[in-house]
PDB file of N, CA and C in Angstrom:
ATOM      1  N   UNK A   1     -45.544  24.193  87.061  1.00  0.00           N
ATOM      2  CA  UNK A   1     -46.630  23.194  86.369  1.00  0.00           C
ATOM      3  C   UNK A   1     -46.495  21.858  86.493  1.00  0.00           C
ATOM      4  N   UNK A   2     -47.577  20.918  87.445  1.00  0.00           N
ATOM      5  CA  UNK A   2     -47.717  19.916  87.586  1.00  0.00           C
ATOM      6  C   UNK A   2     -47.798  18.770  86.807  1.00  0.00           C
ATOM      7  N   UNK A   3     -47.882  17.531  87.044  1.00  0.00           N
ATOM      8  CA  UNK A   3     -48.362  16.450  85.646  1.00  0.00           C
ATOM      9  C   UNK A   3     -49.796  16.764  85.729  1.00  0.00           C
ATOM     10  N   UNK A   4     -50.635  16.491  86.909  1.00  0.00           N
ATOM     11  CA  UNK A   4     -51.880  16.673  86.785  1.00  0.00           C
ATOM     12  C   UNK A   4     -52.452  17.795  85.674  1.00  0.00           C
ATOM     13  N   UNK A   5     -51.498  18.867  85.438  1.00  0.00           N
ATOM     14  CA  UNK A   5     -51.472  20.172  84.398  1.00  0.00           C
ATOM     15  C   UNK A   5     -51.332  19.354  82.987  1.00  0.00           C
ATOM     16  N   UNK A   6     -50.309  18.109  83.143  1.00  0.00           N
ATOM     17  CA  UNK A   6     -49.923  17.382  81.549  1.00  0.00           C
ATOM     18  C   UNK A   6     -51.151  16.469  81.140  1.00  0.00           C
ATOM     19  N   UNK A   7     -51.247  15.790  82.509  1.00  0.00           N
ATOM     20  CA  UNK A   7     -52.236  14.260  81.655  1.00  0.00           C
ATOM     21  C   UNK A   7     -53.665  14.227  81.986  1.00  0.00           C
ATOM     22  N   UNK A   8     -54.072  13.644  81.427  1.00  0.00           N
ATOM     23  CA  UNK A   8     -55.614  13.914  81.406  1.00  0.00           C
ATOM     24  C   UNK A   8     -56.347  12.838  81.145  1.00  0.00           C
ATOM     25  N   UNK A   9     -57.586  12.498  81.850  1.00  0.00           N
ATOM     26  CA  UNK A   9     -58.347  11.225  81.605  1.00  0.00           C
ATOM     27  C   UNK A   9     -59.569  11.274  81.080  1.00  0.00           C
ATOM     28  N   UNK A  10     -59.831  10.970  79.872  1.00  0.00           N
ATOM     29  CA  UNK A  10     -60.934  11.201  78.967  1.00  0.00           C
ATOM     30  C   UNK A  10     -62.140  10.384  78.750  1.00  0.00           C
ATOM     31  N   UNK A  11     -63.242   9.854  79.340  1.00  0.00           N
ATOM     32  CA  UNK A  11     -64.026   8.751  79.394  1.00  0.00           C
ATOM     33  C   UNK A  11     -63.820   8.688  77.360  1.00  0.00           C
ATOM     34  N   UNK A  12     -64.012   7.748  76.337  1.00  0.00           N
ATOM     35  CA  UNK A  12     -64.103   7.227  75.471  1.00  0.00           C
ATOM     36  C   UNK A  12     -62.922   7.479  74.471  1.00  0.00           C
ATOM     37  N   UNK A  13     -61.853   8.437  75.358  1.00  0.00           N
ATOM     38  CA  UNK A  13     -60.353   8.329  74.598  1.00  0.00           C
ATOM     39  C   UNK A  13     -59.807   7.296  74.889  1.00  0.00           C
ATOM     40  N   UNK A  14     -59.097   6.547  74.259  1.00  0.00           N
ATOM     41  CA  UNK A  14     -58.030   5.439  74.334  1.00  0.00           C
ATOM     42  C   UNK A  14     -58.407   4.632  75.731  1.00  0.00           C
ATOM     43  N   UNK A  15     -59.900   3.846  75.725  1.00  0.00           N
ATOM     44  CA  UNK A  15     -60.499   3.902  77.213  1.00  0.00           C
ATOM     45  C   UNK A  15     -60.248   4.258  78.446  1.00  0.00           C
ATOM     46  N   UNK A  16     -60.266   5.614  78.204  1.00  0.00           N
ATOM     47  CA  UNK A  16     -60.189   6.705  79.725  1.00  0.00           C
ATOM     48  C   UNK A  16     -58.632   6.290  80.065  1.00  0.00           C
ATOM     49  N   UNK A  17     -57.788   5.980  79.221  1.00  0.00           N
ATOM     50  CA  UNK A  17     -56.418   5.740  79.674  1.00  0.00           C
ATOM     51  C   UNK A  17     -55.986   6.806  80.052  1.00  0.00           C
ATOM     52  N   UNK A  18     -54.942   7.267  80.996  1.00  0.00           N
ATOM     53  CA  UNK A  18     -54.226   8.989  81.085  1.00  0.00           C
ATOM     54  C   UNK A  18     -53.790   8.917  80.008  1.00  0.00           C
ATOM     55  N   UNK A  19     -54.337   9.970  79.414  1.00  0.00           N
ATOM     56  CA  UNK A  19     -53.328  10.467  78.390  1.00  0.00           C
ATOM     57  C   UNK A  19     -52.590  12.064  78.432  1.00  0.00           C
ATOM     58  N   UNK A  20     -51.416  11.998  77.624  1.00  0.00           N
ATOM     59  CA  UNK A  20     -51.472  13.660  77.489  1.00  0.00           C
ATOM     60  C   UNK A  20     -51.805  14.588  76.891  1.00  0.00           C
ATOM     61  N   UNK A  21     -51.630  15.293  77.277  1.00  0.00           N
ATOM     62  CA  UNK A  21     -53.012  16.660  77.163  1.00  0.00           C
ATOM     63  C   UNK A  21     -52.820  16.827  76.101  1.00  0.00           C
ATOM     64  N   UNK A  22     -54.359  17.101  74.889  1.00  0.00           N
ATOM     65  CA  UNK A  22     -54.144  17.146  73.690  1.00  0.00           C
ATOM     66  C   UNK A  22     -53.395  16.578  73.065  1.00  0.00           C
ATOM     67  N   UNK A  23     -53.575  14.824  73.375  1.00  0.00           N
ATOM     68  CA  UNK A  23     -52.524  14.270  72.158  1.00  0.00           C
ATOM     69  C   UNK A  23     -53.576  12.443  72.733  1.00  0.00           C
ATOM     70  N   UNK A  24     -53.598  11.703  71.492  1.00  0.00           N
ATOM     71  CA  UNK A  24     -53.831  10.861  72.543  1.00  0.00           C
ATOM     72  C   UNK A  24     -52.797   9.436  72.303  1.00  0.00           C
ATOM     73  N   UNK A  25     -51.696   9.833  73.130  1.00  0.00           N
ATOM     74  CA  UNK A  25     -50.693   9.122  73.428  1.00  0.00           C
ATOM     75  C   UNK A  25     -50.763   8.808  74.843  1.00  0.00           C
ATOM     76  N   UNK A  26     -50.629   7.573  75.118  1.00  0.00           N
ATOM     77  CA  UNK A  26     -50.997   7.218  76.803  1.00  0.00           C
ATOM     78  C   UNK A  26     -50.008   7.648  77.561  1.00  0.00           C
ATOM     79  N   UNK A  27     -49.902   7.190  78.896  1.00  0.00           N
ATOM     80  CA  UNK A  27     -48.435   7.260  80.076  1.00  0.00           C
ATOM     81  C   UNK A  27     -48.242   6.136  79.845  1.00  0.00           C
ATOM     82  N   UNK A  28     -48.829   5.270  79.472  1.00  0.00           N
ATOM     83  CA  UNK A  28     -48.448   3.814  79.516  1.00  0.00           C
ATOM     84  C   UNK A  28     -47.606   3.531  77.847  1.00  0.00           C
ATOM     85  N   UNK A  29     -48.013   4.435  76.942  1.00  0.00           N
ATOM     86  CA  UNK A  29     -46.805   4.327  75.830  1.00  0.00           C
ATOM     87  C   UNK A  29     -46.147   4.902  75.958  1.00  0.00           C
ATOM     88  N   UNK A  30     -45.566   6.232  76.411  1.00  0.00           N
ATOM     89  CA  UNK A  30     -44.400   6.370  76.954  1.00  0.00           C
ATOM     90  C   UNK A  30     -43.612   5.703  77.773  1.00  0.00           C
ATOM     91  N   UNK A  31     -44.380   5.031  78.747  1.00  0.00           N
ATOM     92  CA  UNK A  31     -43.415   4.363  79.919  1.00  0.00           C
ATOM     93  C   UNK A  31     -42.781   3.069  78.869  1.00  0.00           C
ATOM     94  N   UNK A  32     -43.853   2.520  78.091  1.00  0.00           N
ATOM     95  CA  UNK A  32     -43.453   1.568  77.234  1.00  0.00           C
ATOM     96  C   UNK A  32     -41.935   1.744  76.226  1.00  0.00           C
ATOM     97  N   UNK A  33     -42.287   3.189  75.639  1.00  0.00           N
ATOM     98  CA  UNK A  33     -41.224   3.492  74.924  1.00  0.00           C
ATOM     99  C   UNK A  33     -39.706   3.953  75.598  1.00  0.00           C
ATOM    100  N   UNK A  34     -40.079   4.051  76.794  1.00  0.00           N
ATOM    101  CA  UNK A  34     -38.691   4.175  77.812  1.00  0.00           C
ATOM    102  C   UNK A  34     -38.369   2.802  78.085  1.00  0.00           C
ATOM    103  N   UNK A  35     -39.004   1.872  78.381  1.00  0.00           N
ATOM    104  CA  UNK A  35     -38.187   0.885  78.987  1.00  0.00           C
ATOM    105  C   UNK A  35     -37.901  -0.234  77.844  1.00  0.00           C
ATOM    106  N   UNK A  36     -38.557   0.069  76.562  1.00  0.00           N
ATOM    107  CA  UNK A  36     -38.137  -0.692  75.528  1.00  0.00           C
ATOM    108  C   UNK A  36     -36.294  -0.059  75.353  1.00  0.00           C
ATOM    109  N   UNK A  37     -36.417   0.992  75.708  1.00  0.00           N
ATOM    110  CA  UNK A  37     -34.980   1.438  75.386  1.00  0.00           C
ATOM    111  C   UNK A  37     -34.672   2.768  74.867  1.00  0.00           C
ATOM    112  N   UNK A  38     -35.981   3.350  73.924  1.00  0.00           N
ATOM    113  CA  UNK A  38     -35.798   4.820  73.796  1.00  0.00           C
ATOM    114  C   UNK A  38     -35.617   5.745  74.626  1.00  0.00           C
ATOM    115  N   UNK A  39     -34.491   6.488  74.259  1.00  0.00           N
ATOM    116  CA  UNK A  39     -34.313   8.140  75.199  1.00  0.00           C
ATOM    117  C   UNK A  39     -35.379   9.302  74.823  1.00  0.00           C
ATOM    118  N   UNK A  40     -35.309  10.059  75.618  1.00  0.00           N
ATOM    119  CA  UNK A  40     -36.510  10.630  75.720  1.00  0.00           C
ATOM    120  C   UNK A  40     -36.552  11.894  74.270  1.00  0.00           C
ATOM    121  N   UNK A  41     -34.953  11.776  73.697  1.00  0.00           N
ATOM    122  CA  UNK A  41     -34.712  12.601  72.393  1.00  0.00           C
ATOM    123  C   UNK A  41     -35.625  12.007  71.174  1.00  0.00           C
ATOM    124  N   UNK A  42     -35.281  10.563  71.060  1.00  0.00           N
ATOM    125  CA  UNK A  42     -35.790   9.618  70.109  1.00  0.00           C
ATOM    126  C   UNK A  42     -37.764   9.963  70.163  1.00  0.00           C
ATOM    127  N   UNK A  43     -37.903   9.992  71.682  1.00  0.00           N
ATOM    128  CA  UNK A  43     -39.410   9.677  71.715  1.00  0.00           C
ATOM    129  C   UNK A  43     -39.940  11.109  71.283  1.00  0.00           C
ATOM    130  N   UNK A  44     -39.376  12.530  71.411  1.00  0.00           N
ATOM    131  CA  UNK A  44     -39.582  13.538  70.687  1.00  0.00           C
ATOM    132  C   UNK A  44     -39.633  13.953  69.505  1.00  0.00           C
ATOM    133  N   UNK A  45     -38.568  13.443  68.759  1.00  0.00           N
ATOM    134  CA  UNK A  45     -38.092  13.167  67.442  1.00  0.00           C
ATOM    135  C   UNK A  45     -39.188  12.548  67.039  1.00  0.00           C
ATOM    136  N   UNK A  46     -39.990  11.314  67.582  1.00  0.00           N
ATOM    137  CA  UNK A  46     -40.839  10.604  66.693  1.00  0.00           C
ATOM    138  C   UNK A  46     -42.504  11.264  66.930  1.00  0.00           C
ATOM    139  N   UNK A  47     -42.620  11.838  67.989  1.00  0.00           N
ATOM    140  CA  UNK A  47     -43.533  13.005  68.457  1.00  0.00           C
ATOM    141  C   UNK A  47     -43.568  14.591  68.793  1.00  0.00           C
ATOM    142  N   UNK A  48     -43.256  14.826  67.936  1.00  0.00           N
ATOM    143  CA  UNK A  48     -43.100  16.335  67.818  1.00  0.00           C
ATOM    144  C   UNK A  48     -43.878  17.014  68.416  1.00  0.00           C
ATOM    145  N   UNK A  49     -45.405  16.888  69.079  1.00  0.00           N
ATOM    146  CA  UNK A  49     -46.092  17.227  69.681  1.00  0.00           C
ATOM    147  C   UNK A  49     -45.600  17.835  70.893  1.00  0.00           C
ATOM    148  N   UNK A  50     -44.803  16.212  71.290  1.00  0.00           N
ATOM    149  CA  UNK A  50     -44.407  16.564  72.929  1.00  0.00           C
ATOM    150  C   UNK A  50     -43.349  17.303  73.652  1.00  0.00           C
ATOM    151  N   UNK A  51     -43.377  17.705  74.813  1.00  0.00           N
ATOM    152  CA  UNK A  51     -42.444  18.123  75.404  1.00  0.00           C
ATOM    153  C   UNK A  51     -41.493  17.121  76.206  1.00  0.00           C
ATOM    154  N   UNK A  52     -40.208  17.505  76.305  1.00  0.00           N
ATOM    155  CA  UNK A  52     -39.927  16.903  77.457  1.00  0.00           C
ATOM    156  C   UNK A  52     -40.471  16.952  78.957  1.00  0.00           C
ATOM    157  N   UNK A  53     -41.619  18.341  79.129  1.00  0.00           N
ATOM    158  CA  UNK A  53     -42.123  17.892  80.782  1.00  0.00           C
ATOM    159  C   UNK A  53     -42.991  16.936  80.384  1.00  0.00           C
ATOM    160  N   UNK A  54     -43.456  16.751  79.144  1.00  0.00           N
ATOM    161  CA  UNK A  54     -44.585  15.639  78.638  1.00  0.00           C
ATOM    162  C   UNK A  54     -44.793  14.422  79.576  1.00  0.00           C
ATOM    163  N   UNK A  55     -43.170  13.893  79.027  1.00  0.00           N
ATOM    164  CA  UNK A  55     -42.391  12.549  79.054  1.00  0.00           C
ATOM    165  C   UNK A  55     -42.168  12.552  81.061  1.00  0.00           C
ATOM    166  N   UNK A  56     -41.841  13.777  81.381  1.00  0.00           N
ATOM    167  CA  UNK A  56     -41.413  13.566  83.000  1.00  0.00           C
ATOM    168  C   UNK A  56     -42.762  14.052  83.674  1.00  0.00           C
ATOM    169  N   UNK A  57     -43.521  14.427  82.842  1.00  0.00           N
ATOM    170  CA  UNK A  57     -45.133  13.952  83.633  1.00  0.00           C
ATOM    171  C   UNK A  57     -45.323  12.900  83.932  1.00  0.00           C
ATOM    172  N   UNK A  58     -45.069  11.711  82.980  1.00  0.00           N
ATOM    173  CA  UNK A  58     -45.821  10.354  82.534  1.00  0.00           C
ATOM    174  C   UNK A  58     -44.949   9.915  83.753  1.00  0.00           C
ATOM    175  N   UNK A  59     -43.574  10.343  84.348  1.00  0.00           N
ATOM    176  CA  UNK A  59     -42.834   9.866  85.052  1.00  0.00           C
ATOM    177  C   UNK A  59     -43.164  10.166  86.509  1.00  0.00           C
ATOM    178  N   UNK A  60     -43.644  10.906  86.814  1.00  0.00           N
ATOM    179  CA  UNK A  60     -44.368  11.250  88.122  1.00  0.00           C
ATOM    180  C   UNK A  60     -45.246  10.665  88.945  1.00  0.00           C
TER     181      UNK A  60
END
């Protein structure tokens, strides 16, 4: 499964920004959390609907 299966763009959802499929969490949000020093484990704890594969798709 590639990043294209996990990242979607839907007009009208988060201003059409790329989001993790089935959520309103943008790729930008995840990148900001990582850049701010959060670990993958911390992000997954804060957002239990996400998977490690979702986070990796944001980095692809």
